[in-house]
Structures are given as structure tokens and as C-alpha cells.
């Protein structure tokens, strides 16, 4: 019974850092492009 909740929690911990990393990469690229 606890498996679905555990899976959603794990998926959140995996997805949120990935999205944050992608946003940081975009910011880094835009800053480099500006000079």
C-alpha cells in the first residue's frame, strides 16, 4: 500500500533536481553568450 506514495516521493526527488539542473544550465549558457 505504501509503494505508490513512495514511488511518487522518489520520482519527485529525482525530477525536481533534474529540472533545477536544466534551468541552471540554461542560465549558465545565456550568461556565457552575453559575455
PDB file of N, CA and C in Angstrom:
ATOM      1  N   UNK A   1       0.831  -1.213   0.000  1.00  0.00           N
ATOM      2  CA  UNK A   1       0.000   0.000   0.000  1.00  0.00           C
ATOM      3  C   UNK A   1       0.863   1.260   0.000  1.00  0.00           C
ATOM      4  N   UNK A   2       2.023   1.191   0.622  1.00  0.00           N
ATOM      5  CA  UNK A   2       2.885   2.376   0.705  1.00  0.00           C
ATOM      6  C   UNK A   2       3.717   2.560  -0.561  1.00  0.00           C
ATOM      7  N   UNK A   3       3.708   1.564  -1.436  1.00  0.00           N
ATOM      8  CA  UNK A   3       4.552   1.643  -2.637  1.00  0.00           C
ATOM      9  C   UNK A   3       4.211   2.843  -3.528  1.00  0.00           C
ATOM     10  N   UNK A   4       2.947   3.085  -3.872  1.00  0.00           N
ATOM     11  CA  UNK A   4       2.640   4.220  -4.760  1.00  0.00           C
ATOM     12  C   UNK A   4       3.115   5.547  -4.187  1.00  0.00           C
ATOM     13  N   UNK A   5       2.852   5.808  -2.918  1.00  0.00           N
ATOM     14  CA  UNK A   5       3.279   7.064  -2.301  1.00  0.00           C
ATOM     15  C   UNK A   5       4.802   7.149  -2.310  1.00  0.00           C
ATOM     16  N   UNK A   6       5.454   6.038  -2.015  1.00  0.00           N
ATOM     17  CA  UNK A   6       6.919   6.035  -2.003  1.00  0.00           C
ATOM     18  C   UNK A   6       7.454   6.315  -3.400  1.00  0.00           C
ATOM     19  N   UNK A   7       6.830   5.729  -4.404  1.00  0.00           N
ATOM     20  CA  UNK A   7       7.296   5.956  -5.784  1.00  0.00           C
ATOM     21  C   UNK A   7       7.127   7.416  -6.185  1.00  0.00           C
ATOM     22  N   UNK A   8       6.003   8.022  -5.823  1.00  0.00           N
ATOM     23  CA  UNK A   8       5.795   9.432  -6.180  1.00  0.00           C
ATOM     24  C   UNK A   8       6.809  10.302  -5.459  1.00  0.00           C
ATOM     25  N   UNK A   9       7.100   9.969  -4.202  1.00  0.00           N
ATOM     26  CA  UNK A   9       8.087  10.759  -3.452  1.00  0.00           C
ATOM     27  C   UNK A   9       9.455  10.642  -4.106  1.00  0.00           C
ATOM     28  N   UNK A  10       9.848   9.416  -4.458  1.00  0.00           N
ATOM     29  CA  UNK A  10      11.157   9.208  -5.092  1.00  0.00           C
ATOM     30  C   UNK A  10      11.208   9.920  -6.432  1.00  0.00           C
ATOM     31  N   UNK A  11      10.127   9.808  -7.210  1.00  0.00           N
ATOM     32  CA  UNK A  11      10.119  10.451  -8.534  1.00  0.00           C
ATOM     33  C   UNK A  11      10.239  11.960  -8.375  1.00  0.00           C
ATOM     34  N   UNK A  12       9.613  12.526  -7.352  1.00  0.00           N
ATOM     35  CA  UNK A  12       9.727  13.974  -7.131  1.00  0.00           C
ATOM     36  C   UNK A  12      11.165  14.333  -6.810  1.00  0.00           C
ATOM     37  N   UNK A  13      11.799  13.566  -5.947  1.00  0.00           N
ATOM     38  CA  UNK A  13      13.186  13.866  -5.581  1.00  0.00           C
ATOM     39  C   UNK A  13      14.112  13.715  -6.780  1.00  0.00           C
ATOM     40  N   UNK A  14      13.734  12.860  -7.735  1.00  0.00           N
ATOM     41  CA  UNK A  14      14.576  12.679  -8.924  1.00  0.00           C
ATOM     42  C   UNK A  14      14.293  13.750  -9.963  1.00  0.00           C
ATOM     43  N   UNK A  15      13.012  14.117 -10.124  1.00  0.00           N
ATOM     44  CA  UNK A  15      12.636  15.052 -11.198  1.00  0.00           C
ATOM     45  C   UNK A  15      12.990  16.492 -10.836  1.00  0.00           C
ATOM     46  N   UNK A  16      12.730  16.903  -9.602  1.00  0.00           N
ATOM     47  CA  UNK A  16      12.985  18.299  -9.225  1.00  0.00           C
ATOM     48  C   UNK A  16      14.448  18.684  -9.402  1.00  0.00           C
ATOM     49  N   UNK A  17      15.409  17.923  -8.912  1.00  0.00           N
ATOM     50  CA  UNK A  17      16.820  18.292  -9.132  1.00  0.00           C
ATOM     51  C   UNK A  17      17.170  18.323 -10.614  1.00  0.00           C
ATOM     52  N   UNK A  18      16.583  17.426 -11.406  1.00  0.00           N
ATOM     53  CA  UNK A  18      16.870  17.417 -12.845  1.00  0.00           C
ATOM     54  C   UNK A  18      16.385  18.710 -13.479  1.00  0.00           C
ATOM     55  N   UNK A  19      15.161  19.134 -13.133  1.00  0.00           N
ATOM     56  CA  UNK A  19      14.632  20.382 -13.696  1.00  0.00           C
ATOM     57  C   UNK A  19      15.476  21.564 -13.236  1.00  0.00           C
ATOM     58  N   UNK A  20      15.878  21.576 -11.974  1.00  0.00           N
ATOM     59  CA  UNK A  20      16.701  22.675 -11.462  1.00  0.00           C
ATOM     60  C   UNK A  20      18.035  22.699 -12.195  1.00  0.00           C
ATOM     61  N   UNK A  21      18.627  21.534 -12.445  1.00  0.00           N
ATOM     62  CA  UNK A  21      19.897  21.473 -13.163  1.00  0.00           C
ATOM     63  C   UNK A  21      19.755  21.991 -14.580  1.00  0.00           C
ATOM     64  N   UNK A  22      18.650  21.659 -15.242  1.00  0.00           N
ATOM     65  CA  UNK A  22      18.434  22.141 -16.614  1.00  0.00           C
ATOM     66  C   UNK A  22      18.313  23.657 -16.615  1.00  0.00           C
ATOM     67  N   UNK A  23      17.577  24.213 -15.647  1.00  0.00           N
ATOM     68  CA  UNK A  23      17.418  25.668 -15.577  1.00  0.00           C
ATOM     69  C   UNK A  23      18.770  26.321 -15.314  1.00  0.00           C
ATOM     70  N   UNK A  24      19.589  25.727 -14.441  1.00  0.00           N
ATOM     71  CA  UNK A  24      20.909  26.301 -14.157  1.00  0.00           C
ATOM     72  C   UNK A  24      21.765  26.268 -15.412  1.00  0.00           C
ATOM     73  N   UNK A  25      21.687  25.176 -16.175  1.00  0.00           N
ATOM     74  CA  UNK A  25      22.466  25.085 -17.413  1.00  0.00           C
ATOM     75  C   UNK A  25      22.034  26.159 -18.394  1.00  0.00           C
ATOM     76  N   UNK A  26      20.721  26.390 -18.518  1.00  0.00           N
ATOM     77  CA  UNK A  26      20.232  27.427 -19.435  1.00  0.00           C
ATOM     78  C   UNK A  26      20.745  28.795 -18.998  1.00  0.00           C
ATOM     79  N   UNK A  27      20.692  29.078 -17.693  1.00  0.00           N
ATOM     80  CA  UNK A  27      21.173  30.368 -17.194  1.00  0.00           C
ATOM     81  C   UNK A  27      22.659  30.509 -17.472  1.00  0.00           C
ATOM     82  N   UNK A  28      23.417  29.442 -17.248  1.00  0.00           N
ATOM     83  CA  UNK A  28      24.865  29.481 -17.467  1.00  0.00           C
ATOM     84  C   UNK A  28      25.163  29.745 -18.937  1.00  0.00           C
ATOM     85  N   UNK A  29      24.436  29.076 -19.835  1.00  0.00           N
ATOM     86  CA  UNK A  29      24.669  29.273 -21.267  1.00  0.00           C
ATOM     87  C   UNK A  29      24.327  30.699 -21.677  1.00  0.00           C
ATOM     88  N   UNK A  30      23.225  31.234 -21.176  1.00  0.00           N
ATOM     89  CA  UNK A  30      22.825  32.597 -21.553  1.00  0.00           C
ATOM     90  C   UNK A  30      23.855  33.594 -21.034  1.00  0.00           C
ATOM     91  N   UNK A  31      24.385  33.378 -19.838  1.00  0.00           N
ATOM     92  CA  UNK A  31      25.389  34.293 -19.286  1.00  0.00           C
ATOM     93  C   UNK A  31      26.659  34.228 -20.126  1.00  0.00           C
ATOM     94  N   UNK A  32      27.050  33.032 -20.530  1.00  0.00           N
ATOM     95  CA  UNK A  32      28.263  32.896 -21.353  1.00  0.00           C
ATOM     96  C   UNK A  32      28.057  33.572 -22.705  1.00  0.00           C
ATOM     97  N   UNK A  33      26.863  33.429 -23.262  1.00  0.00           N
ATOM     98  CA  UNK A  33      26.589  34.005 -24.576  1.00  0.00           C
ATOM     99  C   UNK A  33      26.680  35.534 -24.496  1.00  0.00           C
ATOM    100  N   UNK A  34      26.209  36.108 -23.393  1.00  0.00           N
ATOM    101  CA  UNK A  34      26.256  37.568 -23.250  1.00  0.00           C
ATOM    102  C   UNK A  34      27.695  38.046 -23.077  1.00  0.00           C
ATOM    103  N   UNK A  35      28.564  37.181 -22.607  1.00  0.00           N
ATOM    104  CA  UNK A  35      29.956  37.561 -22.492  1.00  0.00           C
ATOM    105  C   UNK A  35      30.444  37.384 -21.083  1.00  0.00           C
TER     106      UNK A  35
END
